[in-house]
N, C-alpha and C. Protein backbone atom coordinates (compact mmCIF):
# COMPACT_ATOMS: atom_id res chain seq x y z
N UNK A 1 -77.92 4.43 -14.18
CA UNK A 1 -78.42 3.67 -13.00
C UNK A 1 -79.78 3.99 -12.66
N UNK A 2 -80.65 2.93 -12.46
CA UNK A 2 -82.17 3.34 -12.15
C UNK A 2 -82.33 2.91 -10.72
N UNK A 3 -82.89 3.70 -9.98
CA UNK A 3 -83.29 3.58 -8.65
C UNK A 3 -84.73 3.76 -8.35
N UNK A 4 -85.27 3.04 -7.36
CA UNK A 4 -86.77 3.26 -6.96
C UNK A 4 -86.84 4.39 -6.00
N UNK A 5 -87.75 5.39 -6.33
CA UNK A 5 -87.79 6.58 -5.58
C UNK A 5 -88.33 6.28 -4.16
N UNK A 6 -89.15 5.47 -3.99
CA UNK A 6 -89.67 5.17 -2.61
C UNK A 6 -88.55 4.38 -1.90
N UNK A 7 -87.88 3.62 -2.40
CA UNK A 7 -86.75 3.06 -1.69
C UNK A 7 -85.69 4.09 -1.34
N UNK A 8 -85.38 4.93 -2.22
CA UNK A 8 -84.44 6.01 -1.94
C UNK A 8 -84.98 7.00 -0.68
N UNK A 9 -86.11 7.30 -0.77
CA UNK A 9 -86.71 8.13 0.31
C UNK A 9 -86.52 7.45 1.75
N UNK A 10 -87.06 5.95 1.56
CA UNK A 10 -87.00 5.27 2.90
C UNK A 10 -85.54 5.17 3.40
N UNK A 11 -84.48 4.90 2.61
CA UNK A 11 -83.29 4.69 3.07
C UNK A 11 -82.44 6.00 3.37
N UNK A 12 -82.75 7.16 2.82
CA UNK A 12 -81.90 8.25 2.95
C UNK A 12 -82.68 9.48 3.33
N UNK A 13 -83.93 9.53 3.29
CA UNK A 13 -84.65 10.83 3.64
C UNK A 13 -84.27 11.38 5.10
N UNK A 14 -84.06 10.49 6.01
CA UNK A 14 -83.85 10.94 7.43
C UNK A 14 -82.38 10.87 7.86
N UNK A 15 -81.49 10.61 6.76
CA UNK A 15 -80.13 10.52 7.13
C UNK A 15 -79.39 11.81 6.88
N UNK A 16 -78.28 12.02 7.68
CA UNK A 16 -77.54 13.13 7.38
C UNK A 16 -76.58 12.86 6.24
N UNK A 17 -76.85 13.70 5.17
CA UNK A 17 -75.93 13.44 3.96
C UNK A 17 -74.75 14.37 4.04
N UNK A 18 -73.65 13.95 3.48
CA UNK A 18 -72.53 14.94 3.57
C UNK A 18 -72.69 16.19 2.89
N UNK A 19 -72.05 17.26 3.43
CA UNK A 19 -72.15 18.60 2.71
C UNK A 19 -70.99 18.56 1.63
N UNK A 20 -71.41 18.92 0.45
CA UNK A 20 -70.54 19.10 -0.55
C UNK A 20 -69.95 20.48 -0.78
N UNK A 21 -68.64 20.65 -0.49
CA UNK A 21 -68.00 21.94 -0.49
C UNK A 21 -67.37 22.22 -1.94
N UNK A 22 -67.69 23.27 -2.58
CA UNK A 22 -67.18 23.42 -3.94
C UNK A 22 -65.53 23.53 -3.92
N UNK A 23 -65.10 22.96 -4.94
CA UNK A 23 -63.46 23.05 -4.94
C UNK A 23 -63.04 24.45 -5.06
N UNK A 24 -61.87 24.74 -4.72
CA UNK A 24 -61.32 26.06 -4.80
C UNK A 24 -61.28 26.63 -6.21
N UNK A 25 -61.70 27.91 -6.32
CA UNK A 25 -61.73 28.51 -7.62
C UNK A 25 -63.18 28.45 -8.34
N UNK A 26 -64.18 27.75 -7.77
CA UNK A 26 -65.43 27.81 -8.34
C UNK A 26 -66.22 29.19 -8.09
N UNK A 27 -67.00 29.47 -8.94
CA UNK A 27 -67.86 30.70 -8.83
C UNK A 27 -69.24 30.39 -8.97
N UNK A 28 -70.07 31.18 -8.23
CA UNK A 28 -71.48 30.93 -8.25
C UNK A 28 -72.09 31.68 -9.47
N UNK A 29 -72.24 30.94 -10.51
CA UNK A 29 -72.80 31.59 -11.66
C UNK A 29 -74.37 31.27 -11.79
N UNK A 30 -74.85 30.61 -10.82
CA UNK A 30 -76.31 30.30 -10.90
C UNK A 30 -77.11 31.04 -9.74
N UNK A 31 -76.47 32.00 -9.02
CA UNK A 31 -77.15 32.70 -7.97
C UNK A 31 -77.77 31.77 -6.92
N UNK A 32 -76.80 30.88 -6.53
CA UNK A 32 -77.24 29.95 -5.52
C UNK A 32 -77.38 30.65 -4.19
N UNK A 33 -76.63 31.68 -4.01
CA UNK A 33 -76.81 32.56 -2.77
C UNK A 33 -78.18 33.05 -2.49
N UNK A 34 -79.00 33.07 -3.50
CA UNK A 34 -80.36 33.64 -3.35
C UNK A 34 -81.29 32.54 -2.63
N UNK A 35 -80.84 31.36 -2.62
CA UNK A 35 -81.63 30.21 -1.99
C UNK A 35 -80.87 29.48 -0.87
N UNK A 36 -79.85 30.20 -0.42
CA UNK A 36 -78.97 29.59 0.66
C UNK A 36 -79.93 29.14 1.85
N UNK A 37 -80.81 29.97 2.23
CA UNK A 37 -81.49 29.55 3.46
C UNK A 37 -82.97 29.27 3.09
N UNK A 38 -83.37 28.85 1.84
CA UNK A 38 -84.63 28.54 1.47
C UNK A 38 -85.06 27.26 1.64
N UNK A 39 -86.33 26.93 1.73
CA UNK A 39 -87.00 25.64 1.65
C UNK A 39 -87.51 25.59 0.22
N UNK A 40 -87.71 24.34 -0.13
CA UNK A 40 -88.12 24.02 -1.57
C UNK A 40 -89.39 23.20 -1.63
N UNK A 41 -90.11 23.43 -2.61
CA UNK A 41 -91.34 22.64 -2.81
C UNK A 41 -91.07 21.36 -3.37
N UNK A 42 -91.86 20.34 -3.16
CA UNK A 42 -91.70 19.04 -3.75
C UNK A 42 -92.75 18.61 -4.66
N UNK A 43 -92.50 18.17 -5.73
CA UNK A 43 -91.11 17.60 -6.18
C UNK A 43 -90.39 18.61 -7.17
N UNK A 44 -90.99 19.66 -7.31
CA UNK A 44 -90.40 20.74 -8.44
C UNK A 44 -89.12 21.31 -8.00
N UNK A 45 -88.79 21.40 -6.69
CA UNK A 45 -87.57 21.98 -6.24
C UNK A 45 -87.56 23.51 -6.37
N UNK A 46 -88.67 23.97 -6.65
CA UNK A 46 -88.74 25.60 -6.73
C UNK A 46 -88.80 26.19 -5.35
N UNK A 47 -87.93 27.09 -4.93
CA UNK A 47 -87.78 27.58 -3.70
C UNK A 47 -89.11 28.39 -3.23
N UNK A 48 -89.34 28.23 -1.94
CA UNK A 48 -90.50 29.02 -1.39
C UNK A 48 -90.06 30.50 -1.14
N UNK A 49 -90.99 31.51 -1.56
CA UNK A 49 -90.82 32.90 -1.43
C UNK A 49 -91.76 33.36 -0.46
N UNK A 50 -91.43 33.93 0.69
CA UNK A 50 -92.40 34.46 1.63
C UNK A 50 -93.06 35.73 1.13
N UNK A 51 -94.44 35.78 1.33
CA UNK A 51 -95.00 37.13 1.04
C UNK A 51 -94.89 37.93 2.25
N UNK A 52 -94.15 38.93 2.18
CA UNK A 52 -93.84 39.86 3.35
C UNK A 52 -94.62 41.14 3.40
N UNK A 53 -95.56 41.29 2.26
CA UNK A 53 -96.33 42.41 2.38
C UNK A 53 -97.66 42.15 3.22
N UNK A 54 -97.99 43.14 3.97
CA UNK A 54 -99.10 43.03 4.96
C UNK A 54 -100.32 43.68 4.36
N UNK A 55 -100.20 44.36 3.15
CA UNK A 55 -101.38 45.12 2.62
C UNK A 55 -101.16 45.20 1.10
N UNK A 56 -102.20 45.65 0.49
CA UNK A 56 -102.06 45.76 -1.02
C UNK A 56 -101.22 47.12 -1.21
N UNK A 57 -100.48 47.22 -2.41
CA UNK A 57 -99.82 48.35 -2.57
C UNK A 57 -100.79 49.63 -2.82
N UNK A 58 -100.27 50.73 -2.44
CA UNK A 58 -101.01 51.96 -2.63
C UNK A 58 -100.80 52.42 -4.13
N UNK A 59 -99.72 52.17 -4.61
CA UNK A 59 -99.45 52.50 -6.07
C UNK A 59 -98.46 51.52 -6.59
N UNK A 60 -98.44 51.44 -8.01
CA UNK A 60 -97.50 50.48 -8.74
C UNK A 60 -96.55 51.37 -9.78
N UNK A 61 -95.44 50.79 -9.99
CA UNK A 61 -94.55 51.53 -10.83
C UNK A 61 -93.67 50.46 -11.51
N UNK A 62 -93.55 50.58 -12.83
CA UNK A 62 -92.70 49.48 -13.65
C UNK A 62 -91.27 49.67 -13.25
N UNK A 63 -90.57 48.56 -13.45
CA UNK A 63 -89.19 48.58 -13.04
C UNK A 63 -88.39 49.67 -13.88
N UNK A 64 -88.65 49.70 -15.17
CA UNK A 64 -87.88 50.75 -16.07
C UNK A 64 -88.22 52.10 -15.51
N UNK A 65 -89.50 52.46 -15.22
CA UNK A 65 -89.75 53.76 -14.72
C UNK A 65 -89.10 54.08 -13.34
N UNK A 66 -89.05 52.97 -12.59
CA UNK A 66 -88.43 53.06 -11.22
C UNK A 66 -86.94 53.35 -11.25
N UNK A 67 -86.34 52.65 -12.30
CA UNK A 67 -84.89 52.80 -12.48
C UNK A 67 -84.69 54.28 -12.91
N UNK A 68 -85.49 54.85 -13.72
CA UNK A 68 -85.19 56.22 -14.21
C UNK A 68 -85.44 57.20 -13.22
N UNK A 69 -86.51 56.87 -12.35
CA UNK A 69 -86.63 57.71 -11.18
C UNK A 69 -85.55 57.76 -10.17
N UNK A 70 -85.05 56.56 -9.97
CA UNK A 70 -84.00 56.32 -9.08
C UNK A 70 -82.74 57.10 -9.63
N UNK A 71 -82.30 57.06 -10.80
CA UNK A 71 -81.32 57.83 -11.29
C UNK A 71 -81.41 59.26 -11.18
N UNK A 72 -82.64 59.78 -11.22
CA UNK A 72 -82.88 61.17 -11.08
C UNK A 72 -82.82 61.64 -9.65
N UNK A 73 -83.55 60.89 -8.91
CA UNK A 73 -83.74 61.27 -7.38
C UNK A 73 -82.37 61.05 -6.51
N UNK A 74 -81.68 59.93 -6.86
CA UNK A 74 -80.53 59.65 -5.88
C UNK A 74 -79.46 60.83 -5.92
N UNK A 75 -79.49 61.66 -7.04
CA UNK A 75 -78.51 62.77 -7.03
C UNK A 75 -78.98 63.86 -6.16
N UNK A 76 -80.17 64.04 -5.96
CA UNK A 76 -80.70 65.14 -5.14
C UNK A 76 -80.86 64.70 -3.66
N UNK A 77 -81.47 63.53 -3.41
CA UNK A 77 -81.76 63.06 -2.09
C UNK A 77 -81.45 61.48 -1.99
N UNK A 78 -80.28 61.19 -1.39
CA UNK A 78 -79.89 59.79 -1.23
C UNK A 78 -80.81 58.88 -0.51
N UNK A 79 -81.75 59.52 0.31
CA UNK A 79 -82.60 58.90 1.24
C UNK A 79 -84.02 58.93 0.65
N UNK A 80 -84.32 59.22 -0.56
CA UNK A 80 -85.64 59.46 -1.07
C UNK A 80 -86.46 58.10 -0.99
N UNK A 81 -87.69 58.35 -0.99
CA UNK A 81 -88.53 57.03 -0.84
C UNK A 81 -89.89 57.24 -1.52
N UNK A 82 -90.23 56.41 -2.40
CA UNK A 82 -91.52 56.46 -3.11
C UNK A 82 -92.48 55.37 -2.77
N UNK A 83 -93.78 55.80 -2.40
CA UNK A 83 -94.87 54.83 -1.86
C UNK A 83 -95.45 54.17 -3.14
N UNK A 84 -94.60 53.14 -3.42
CA UNK A 84 -95.09 52.39 -4.60
C UNK A 84 -94.37 51.06 -4.67
N UNK A 85 -95.04 50.10 -5.16
CA UNK A 85 -94.38 48.72 -5.43
C UNK A 85 -94.00 48.68 -6.89
N UNK A 86 -92.69 48.10 -7.02
CA UNK A 86 -92.17 47.97 -8.23
C UNK A 86 -92.74 46.65 -8.95
N UNK A 87 -93.07 46.78 -10.20
CA UNK A 87 -93.61 45.44 -11.03
C UNK A 87 -92.71 45.32 -12.17
N UNK A 88 -92.77 44.07 -12.70
CA UNK A 88 -91.98 43.82 -13.91
C UNK A 88 -92.90 43.29 -15.03
N UNK A 89 -94.05 43.82 -15.13
CA UNK A 89 -94.96 43.51 -16.19
C UNK A 89 -94.72 44.35 -17.41
N UNK A 90 -93.48 44.12 -17.93
CA UNK A 90 -92.87 44.91 -19.07
C UNK A 90 -92.20 43.91 -19.92
N UNK A 91 -91.68 44.38 -21.02
CA UNK A 91 -90.82 43.35 -21.79
C UNK A 91 -89.67 42.96 -21.02
N UNK A 92 -89.25 41.58 -21.24
CA UNK A 92 -88.14 40.99 -20.50
C UNK A 92 -86.84 41.80 -20.61
N UNK A 93 -86.62 42.25 -21.91
CA UNK A 93 -85.35 42.80 -22.19
C UNK A 93 -85.25 44.12 -21.49
N UNK A 94 -86.24 44.67 -20.76
CA UNK A 94 -86.03 45.80 -20.08
C UNK A 94 -85.52 45.60 -18.55
N UNK A 95 -85.62 44.22 -18.16
CA UNK A 95 -85.08 43.91 -16.81
C UNK A 95 -84.26 42.64 -16.81
N UNK A 96 -84.27 42.00 -17.92
CA UNK A 96 -83.53 40.68 -18.08
C UNK A 96 -82.58 40.58 -19.32
N UNK A 97 -82.25 41.74 -19.83
CA UNK A 97 -81.47 41.90 -20.98
C UNK A 97 -79.98 41.73 -20.76
N UNK A 98 -79.15 41.84 -21.63
CA UNK A 98 -77.66 41.71 -21.50
C UNK A 98 -77.14 42.74 -20.64
N UNK A 99 -77.71 43.95 -20.78
CA UNK A 99 -77.15 45.10 -20.07
C UNK A 99 -78.04 45.37 -18.70
N UNK A 100 -79.20 44.96 -18.71
CA UNK A 100 -80.13 45.35 -17.67
C UNK A 100 -80.83 44.28 -16.78
N UNK A 101 -79.95 43.13 -16.82
CA UNK A 101 -80.44 41.92 -16.14
C UNK A 101 -80.44 42.05 -14.60
N UNK A 102 -81.65 42.04 -13.99
CA UNK A 102 -81.68 42.11 -12.49
C UNK A 102 -81.19 40.80 -11.93
N UNK A 103 -81.10 39.75 -12.76
CA UNK A 103 -80.65 38.44 -12.28
C UNK A 103 -79.10 38.44 -12.16
N UNK A 104 -78.37 39.05 -13.09
CA UNK A 104 -76.93 39.08 -13.13
C UNK A 104 -76.35 40.39 -12.40
N UNK A 105 -77.19 41.39 -12.33
CA UNK A 105 -76.88 42.69 -11.65
C UNK A 105 -77.90 42.85 -10.43
N UNK A 106 -78.03 41.92 -9.67
CA UNK A 106 -79.00 41.93 -8.68
C UNK A 106 -78.72 42.92 -7.56
N UNK A 107 -77.60 43.14 -7.16
CA UNK A 107 -77.22 44.03 -6.25
C UNK A 107 -77.56 45.46 -6.65
N UNK A 108 -77.31 45.78 -7.85
CA UNK A 108 -77.67 47.11 -8.44
C UNK A 108 -79.21 47.23 -8.39
N UNK A 109 -79.94 46.12 -8.72
CA UNK A 109 -81.34 46.27 -8.64
C UNK A 109 -81.93 46.39 -7.23
N UNK A 110 -81.21 45.59 -6.22
CA UNK A 110 -81.57 45.87 -4.92
C UNK A 110 -81.39 47.31 -4.34
N UNK A 111 -80.50 48.01 -4.92
CA UNK A 111 -80.35 49.42 -4.49
C UNK A 111 -81.49 50.33 -4.91
N UNK A 112 -82.07 49.90 -5.98
CA UNK A 112 -83.22 50.54 -6.36
C UNK A 112 -84.48 50.11 -5.70
N UNK A 113 -84.64 48.80 -5.43
CA UNK A 113 -85.70 48.28 -4.67
C UNK A 113 -85.88 48.96 -3.28
N UNK A 114 -84.66 49.31 -2.63
CA UNK A 114 -84.78 49.81 -1.28
C UNK A 114 -85.49 51.26 -1.21
N UNK A 115 -85.57 51.93 -2.23
CA UNK A 115 -86.29 53.27 -2.18
C UNK A 115 -87.70 53.23 -2.49
N UNK A 116 -88.28 51.99 -2.55
CA UNK A 116 -89.78 51.82 -2.81
C UNK A 116 -90.29 50.97 -1.75
N UNK A 117 -91.64 50.97 -1.77
CA UNK A 117 -92.47 50.19 -0.60
C UNK A 117 -92.04 48.68 -0.70
N UNK A 118 -91.85 48.25 -1.99
CA UNK A 118 -91.57 46.81 -2.11
C UNK A 118 -91.64 46.50 -3.61
N UNK A 119 -91.64 45.06 -3.92
CA UNK A 119 -91.61 44.64 -5.29
C UNK A 119 -92.59 43.55 -5.41
N UNK A 120 -93.13 43.42 -6.61
CA UNK A 120 -93.74 42.15 -7.06
C UNK A 120 -92.63 41.45 -7.81
N UNK A 121 -92.57 40.24 -7.36
CA UNK A 121 -91.51 39.33 -8.03
C UNK A 121 -91.50 39.41 -9.49
N UNK A 122 -90.27 39.33 -10.06
CA UNK A 122 -90.24 39.47 -11.57
C UNK A 122 -91.04 38.51 -12.34
N UNK A 123 -91.50 39.08 -13.62
CA UNK A 123 -92.36 38.25 -14.40
C UNK A 123 -91.58 37.83 -15.50
N UNK A 124 -90.65 36.90 -15.12
CA UNK A 124 -89.85 36.19 -16.22
C UNK A 124 -90.85 35.38 -17.12
N UNK A 125 -90.67 35.46 -18.35
CA UNK A 125 -91.69 34.93 -19.23
C UNK A 125 -91.77 33.46 -19.18
N UNK A 126 -92.95 32.94 -19.46
CA UNK A 126 -93.18 31.48 -19.72
C UNK A 126 -94.07 31.34 -20.87
N UNK A 127 -93.52 31.80 -21.97
CA UNK A 127 -94.26 31.88 -23.26
C UNK A 127 -94.69 30.47 -23.79
N UNK A 128 -95.69 30.31 -24.45
CA UNK A 128 -96.31 29.08 -24.94
C UNK A 128 -95.24 28.30 -25.76
N UNK A 129 -94.39 29.04 -26.56
CA UNK A 129 -93.47 28.29 -27.38
C UNK A 129 -92.22 28.10 -26.72
N UNK A 130 -92.07 28.40 -25.42
CA UNK A 130 -90.77 28.12 -24.67
C UNK A 130 -90.81 26.60 -24.40
N UNK A 131 -89.53 25.90 -24.48
CA UNK A 131 -89.62 24.53 -23.92
C UNK A 131 -89.78 24.59 -22.37
N UNK A 132 -90.32 23.45 -22.00
CA UNK A 132 -90.94 23.35 -20.55
C UNK A 132 -89.76 23.64 -19.57
N UNK A 133 -88.41 23.16 -19.81
CA UNK A 133 -87.42 23.34 -18.86
C UNK A 133 -87.16 24.85 -18.67
N UNK A 134 -87.25 25.76 -19.67
CA UNK A 134 -87.11 27.14 -19.58
C UNK A 134 -88.20 27.85 -18.79
N UNK A 135 -89.51 27.26 -19.04
CA UNK A 135 -90.56 27.86 -18.20
C UNK A 135 -90.36 27.53 -16.72
N UNK A 136 -89.84 26.40 -16.46
CA UNK A 136 -89.59 26.01 -14.99
C UNK A 136 -88.48 26.93 -14.50
N UNK A 137 -87.43 27.05 -15.27
CA UNK A 137 -86.30 27.90 -14.77
C UNK A 137 -86.80 29.19 -14.50
N UNK A 138 -87.62 29.82 -15.27
CA UNK A 138 -88.07 31.22 -15.12
C UNK A 138 -88.97 31.29 -13.85
N UNK A 139 -89.73 30.28 -13.64
CA UNK A 139 -90.51 30.21 -12.42
C UNK A 139 -89.61 30.06 -11.22
N UNK A 140 -88.59 29.35 -11.37
CA UNK A 140 -87.57 29.20 -10.31
C UNK A 140 -87.09 30.57 -9.96
N UNK A 141 -86.64 31.31 -11.04
CA UNK A 141 -86.05 32.51 -10.85
C UNK A 141 -86.99 33.49 -10.07
N UNK A 142 -88.25 33.58 -10.54
CA UNK A 142 -89.20 34.38 -9.80
C UNK A 142 -89.19 34.32 -8.23
N UNK A 143 -89.11 33.01 -7.85
CA UNK A 143 -89.17 32.71 -6.28
C UNK A 143 -87.73 33.02 -5.67
N UNK A 144 -86.75 32.52 -6.49
CA UNK A 144 -85.41 32.72 -5.88
C UNK A 144 -85.13 34.19 -5.63
N UNK A 145 -85.38 35.06 -6.56
CA UNK A 145 -84.97 36.53 -6.46
C UNK A 145 -85.90 37.10 -5.43
N UNK A 146 -87.19 36.66 -5.35
CA UNK A 146 -88.07 37.23 -4.35
C UNK A 146 -87.66 36.83 -2.97
N UNK A 147 -87.19 35.54 -2.84
CA UNK A 147 -86.66 35.17 -1.54
C UNK A 147 -85.55 35.91 -1.01
N UNK A 148 -84.58 36.18 -1.99
CA UNK A 148 -83.38 36.89 -1.77
C UNK A 148 -83.81 38.40 -1.30
N UNK A 149 -84.61 38.95 -2.14
CA UNK A 149 -85.07 40.26 -1.76
C UNK A 149 -85.69 40.42 -0.40
N UNK A 150 -86.52 39.40 -0.15
CA UNK A 150 -87.30 39.45 1.29
C UNK A 150 -86.08 39.29 2.39
N UNK A 151 -85.03 38.51 2.15
CA UNK A 151 -84.00 38.39 3.10
C UNK A 151 -83.25 39.74 3.35
N UNK A 152 -83.27 40.59 2.25
CA UNK A 152 -82.68 41.81 2.36
C UNK A 152 -83.57 42.97 2.76
N UNK A 153 -84.62 42.56 3.47
CA UNK A 153 -85.71 43.52 4.09
C UNK A 153 -86.43 44.27 3.03
N UNK A 154 -86.61 43.68 1.85
CA UNK A 154 -87.58 44.23 0.82
C UNK A 154 -88.98 43.61 1.08
N UNK A 155 -90.01 44.33 1.03
CA UNK A 155 -91.36 43.79 1.07
C UNK A 155 -91.64 43.14 -0.16
N UNK A 156 -92.24 41.94 -0.19
CA UNK A 156 -92.37 41.15 -1.45
C UNK A 156 -93.77 40.58 -1.60
N UNK A 157 -94.31 40.68 -2.71
CA UNK A 157 -95.60 40.04 -3.22
C UNK A 157 -95.13 39.19 -4.35
N UNK A 158 -95.55 37.94 -4.28
CA UNK A 158 -95.24 36.94 -5.32
C UNK A 158 -96.11 37.14 -6.60
N UNK A 159 -95.42 37.10 -7.72
CA UNK A 159 -96.01 37.13 -9.03
C UNK A 159 -96.34 35.71 -9.44
N UNK A 160 -97.48 35.43 -10.01
CA UNK A 160 -97.83 34.14 -10.62
C UNK A 160 -97.86 34.38 -12.06
N UNK A 161 -97.25 33.43 -12.63
CA UNK A 161 -97.30 33.37 -14.22
C UNK A 161 -97.44 31.99 -14.73
N UNK A 162 -98.53 31.68 -15.41
CA UNK A 162 -98.73 30.37 -15.98
C UNK A 162 -98.64 30.51 -17.53
N UNK A 163 -98.51 29.38 -18.18
CA UNK A 163 -98.48 29.32 -19.61
C UNK A 163 -99.42 28.37 -20.13
N UNK A 164 -98.82 27.40 -21.06
CA UNK A 164 -99.73 26.28 -21.38
C UNK A 164 -99.94 25.29 -20.22
N UNK A 165 -100.77 24.27 -20.50
CA UNK A 165 -101.30 23.47 -19.39
C UNK A 165 -100.12 22.77 -18.56
N UNK A 166 -99.00 22.54 -19.05
CA UNK A 166 -98.03 21.92 -18.31
C UNK A 166 -97.43 22.75 -17.17
N UNK A 167 -97.65 24.05 -17.39
CA UNK A 167 -97.05 24.98 -16.21
C UNK A 167 -98.07 24.99 -15.10
N UNK A 168 -99.46 24.44 -15.20
CA UNK A 168 -100.35 24.62 -14.09
C UNK A 168 -99.84 23.65 -12.87
N UNK A 169 -99.11 22.73 -13.18
CA UNK A 169 -98.56 21.80 -12.14
C UNK A 169 -97.61 22.46 -11.17
N UNK A 170 -96.89 23.61 -11.57
CA UNK A 170 -95.87 24.14 -10.73
C UNK A 170 -96.02 25.78 -10.62
N UNK A 171 -96.96 26.36 -11.34
CA UNK A 171 -96.98 27.81 -11.36
C UNK A 171 -97.20 28.40 -10.02
N UNK A 172 -97.81 27.80 -9.11
CA UNK A 172 -98.00 28.29 -7.63
C UNK A 172 -96.98 27.70 -6.70
N UNK A 173 -96.10 26.91 -7.14
CA UNK A 173 -95.14 26.26 -6.29
C UNK A 173 -94.26 27.34 -5.71
N UNK A 174 -94.05 27.12 -4.34
CA UNK A 174 -93.08 28.21 -3.75
C UNK A 174 -93.81 29.34 -3.13
N UNK A 175 -95.11 29.29 -3.31
CA UNK A 175 -95.92 30.56 -2.81
C UNK A 175 -96.80 30.14 -1.60
N UNK A 176 -96.71 30.75 -0.50
CA UNK A 176 -97.54 30.46 0.75
C UNK A 176 -99.05 30.59 0.29
N UNK A 177 -99.84 29.61 0.80
CA UNK A 177 -101.22 29.53 0.71
C UNK A 177 -101.92 30.73 1.36
N UNK A 178 -102.92 31.32 0.78
CA UNK A 178 -103.65 32.44 1.40
C UNK A 178 -102.95 33.70 1.51
N UNK A 179 -101.93 33.82 0.76
CA UNK A 179 -101.03 35.05 0.71
C UNK A 179 -101.43 35.90 -0.36
N UNK A 180 -101.09 37.11 -0.44
CA UNK A 180 -101.46 38.04 -1.50
C UNK A 180 -100.50 37.67 -2.74
N UNK A 181 -100.98 37.61 -3.78
CA UNK A 181 -100.36 37.35 -5.07
C UNK A 181 -100.73 38.35 -6.23
N UNK A 182 -99.86 38.53 -7.23
CA UNK A 182 -100.07 39.44 -8.33
C UNK A 182 -100.15 38.62 -9.59
N UNK A 183 -101.04 38.96 -10.46
CA UNK A 183 -101.19 38.30 -11.71
C UNK A 183 -101.27 39.31 -12.83
N UNK A 184 -100.29 39.29 -13.79
CA UNK A 184 -100.41 40.20 -14.92
C UNK A 184 -101.45 39.66 -15.94
N UNK A 185 -102.27 40.65 -16.39
CA UNK A 185 -103.52 40.24 -17.22
C UNK A 185 -103.00 39.83 -18.69
N UNK A 186 -101.87 40.31 -19.19
CA UNK A 186 -101.44 40.01 -20.40
C UNK A 186 -101.16 38.45 -20.46
N UNK A 187 -101.76 37.79 -21.38
CA UNK A 187 -101.50 36.32 -21.71
C UNK A 187 -102.14 35.39 -20.52
N UNK A 188 -102.75 36.04 -19.53
CA UNK A 188 -103.19 35.17 -18.37
C UNK A 188 -104.71 34.76 -18.51
N UNK A 189 -105.36 35.29 -19.54
CA UNK A 189 -106.76 34.89 -19.73
C UNK A 189 -107.66 35.45 -18.63
N UNK A 190 -107.24 36.39 -17.86
CA UNK A 190 -108.01 36.97 -16.83
C UNK A 190 -108.59 38.28 -17.05
N UNK A 191 -108.36 38.90 -18.19
CA UNK A 191 -108.78 40.22 -18.43
C UNK A 191 -110.26 40.39 -18.48
N UNK A 192 -111.07 39.61 -19.15
CA UNK A 192 -112.48 39.73 -19.21
C UNK A 192 -113.12 39.42 -17.70
N UNK A 193 -112.54 38.55 -16.96
CA UNK A 193 -112.86 38.19 -15.70
C UNK A 193 -112.85 39.43 -14.76
N UNK A 194 -111.77 40.15 -14.85
CA UNK A 194 -111.61 41.43 -14.04
C UNK A 194 -112.50 42.64 -14.53
N UNK A 195 -112.84 42.59 -15.81
CA UNK A 195 -113.73 43.65 -16.25
C UNK A 195 -115.15 43.37 -15.70
N UNK A 196 -115.55 41.98 -15.76
CA UNK A 196 -116.88 41.69 -15.32
C UNK A 196 -117.09 41.86 -13.78
N UNK A 197 -116.00 41.78 -12.97
CA UNK A 197 -116.09 41.87 -11.47
C UNK A 197 -115.68 43.25 -11.06
N UNK A 198 -115.44 44.20 -12.02
CA UNK A 198 -115.14 45.45 -11.65
C UNK A 198 -113.91 45.66 -10.73
N UNK A 199 -112.87 44.83 -10.94
CA UNK A 199 -111.80 44.86 -10.07
C UNK A 199 -110.60 45.68 -10.76
N UNK A 200 -110.86 46.18 -11.84
CA UNK A 200 -109.94 46.91 -12.59
C UNK A 200 -109.94 48.36 -12.04
N UNK A 201 -108.84 48.86 -11.52
CA UNK A 201 -108.73 50.18 -10.97
C UNK A 201 -107.80 50.94 -11.84
N UNK A 202 -106.82 51.61 -11.34
CA UNK A 202 -105.93 52.47 -12.28
C UNK A 202 -104.76 51.69 -12.88
N UNK A 203 -104.72 50.44 -12.61
CA UNK A 203 -103.59 49.66 -13.16
C UNK A 203 -104.06 48.56 -14.25
N UNK A 204 -105.03 48.85 -14.94
CA UNK A 204 -105.63 47.89 -15.79
C UNK A 204 -104.70 47.17 -16.82
N UNK A 205 -103.74 47.85 -17.24
CA UNK A 205 -102.78 47.22 -18.20
C UNK A 205 -101.64 46.48 -17.64
N UNK A 206 -101.60 46.46 -16.18
CA UNK A 206 -100.53 45.78 -15.60
C UNK A 206 -100.84 44.53 -14.90
N UNK A 207 -101.59 44.55 -13.79
CA UNK A 207 -101.77 43.31 -12.98
C UNK A 207 -103.05 43.53 -12.14
N UNK A 208 -103.32 42.38 -11.69
CA UNK A 208 -104.48 42.35 -10.58
C UNK A 208 -103.99 41.58 -9.40
N UNK A 209 -104.41 41.99 -8.34
CA UNK A 209 -104.05 41.38 -6.99
C UNK A 209 -105.28 40.56 -6.47
N UNK A 210 -105.07 39.47 -5.95
CA UNK A 210 -106.18 38.71 -5.46
C UNK A 210 -105.61 37.75 -4.37
N UNK A 211 -106.45 37.18 -3.54
CA UNK A 211 -106.10 36.17 -2.68
C UNK A 211 -105.98 34.81 -3.21
N UNK A 212 -104.85 34.14 -3.05
CA UNK A 212 -104.73 32.88 -3.57
C UNK A 212 -105.69 31.98 -2.94
N UNK A 213 -106.28 31.09 -3.72
CA UNK A 213 -107.19 29.95 -3.30
C UNK A 213 -106.27 28.90 -2.66
N UNK A 214 -107.02 28.25 -1.71
CA UNK A 214 -106.22 27.21 -1.00
C UNK A 214 -106.16 25.95 -1.91
């Protein structure tokens, strides 16, 4: 069936649509709970993720290092806290593999997040040779997990990851304007820019933070 989008919006946009209740026995395998209270950007349907950080991180630590530190410190002091933000500018298999997926084992990851100042949302890859639906899905996951983390009182900074030109249409979707964002320098094309402007500090191989342009 083919419908006219403008006619659909005119007829249904302001109407109360029925709530669809999943049938008994259904399981949430898409992590829909992460966006239960979210609003979504149009037309991409990528959820908005609030930036809840009020200042730039004092320090950064990769997720795999944070996980190792957590395993060590939790045995000695269950209330330990590290003044650093967790980042995910590492190989995907270290945080999204079969055994270490923060997407499917998010509660376990959340327990680690709680012992740090906050997180930069996951850098799920958008490689140039990925099909576009996969790039969109990984962008969706960045925002969805960040939104869920913020709802669980974790301080969050949005990660921005673009790929080839088609990703430019949605790579900033779901991110508040004029908020703090993080950009990984690997494959971003920004390495030389940051060298020229002397903005590289002690985290040269990981990311740069800047204010999103309007």
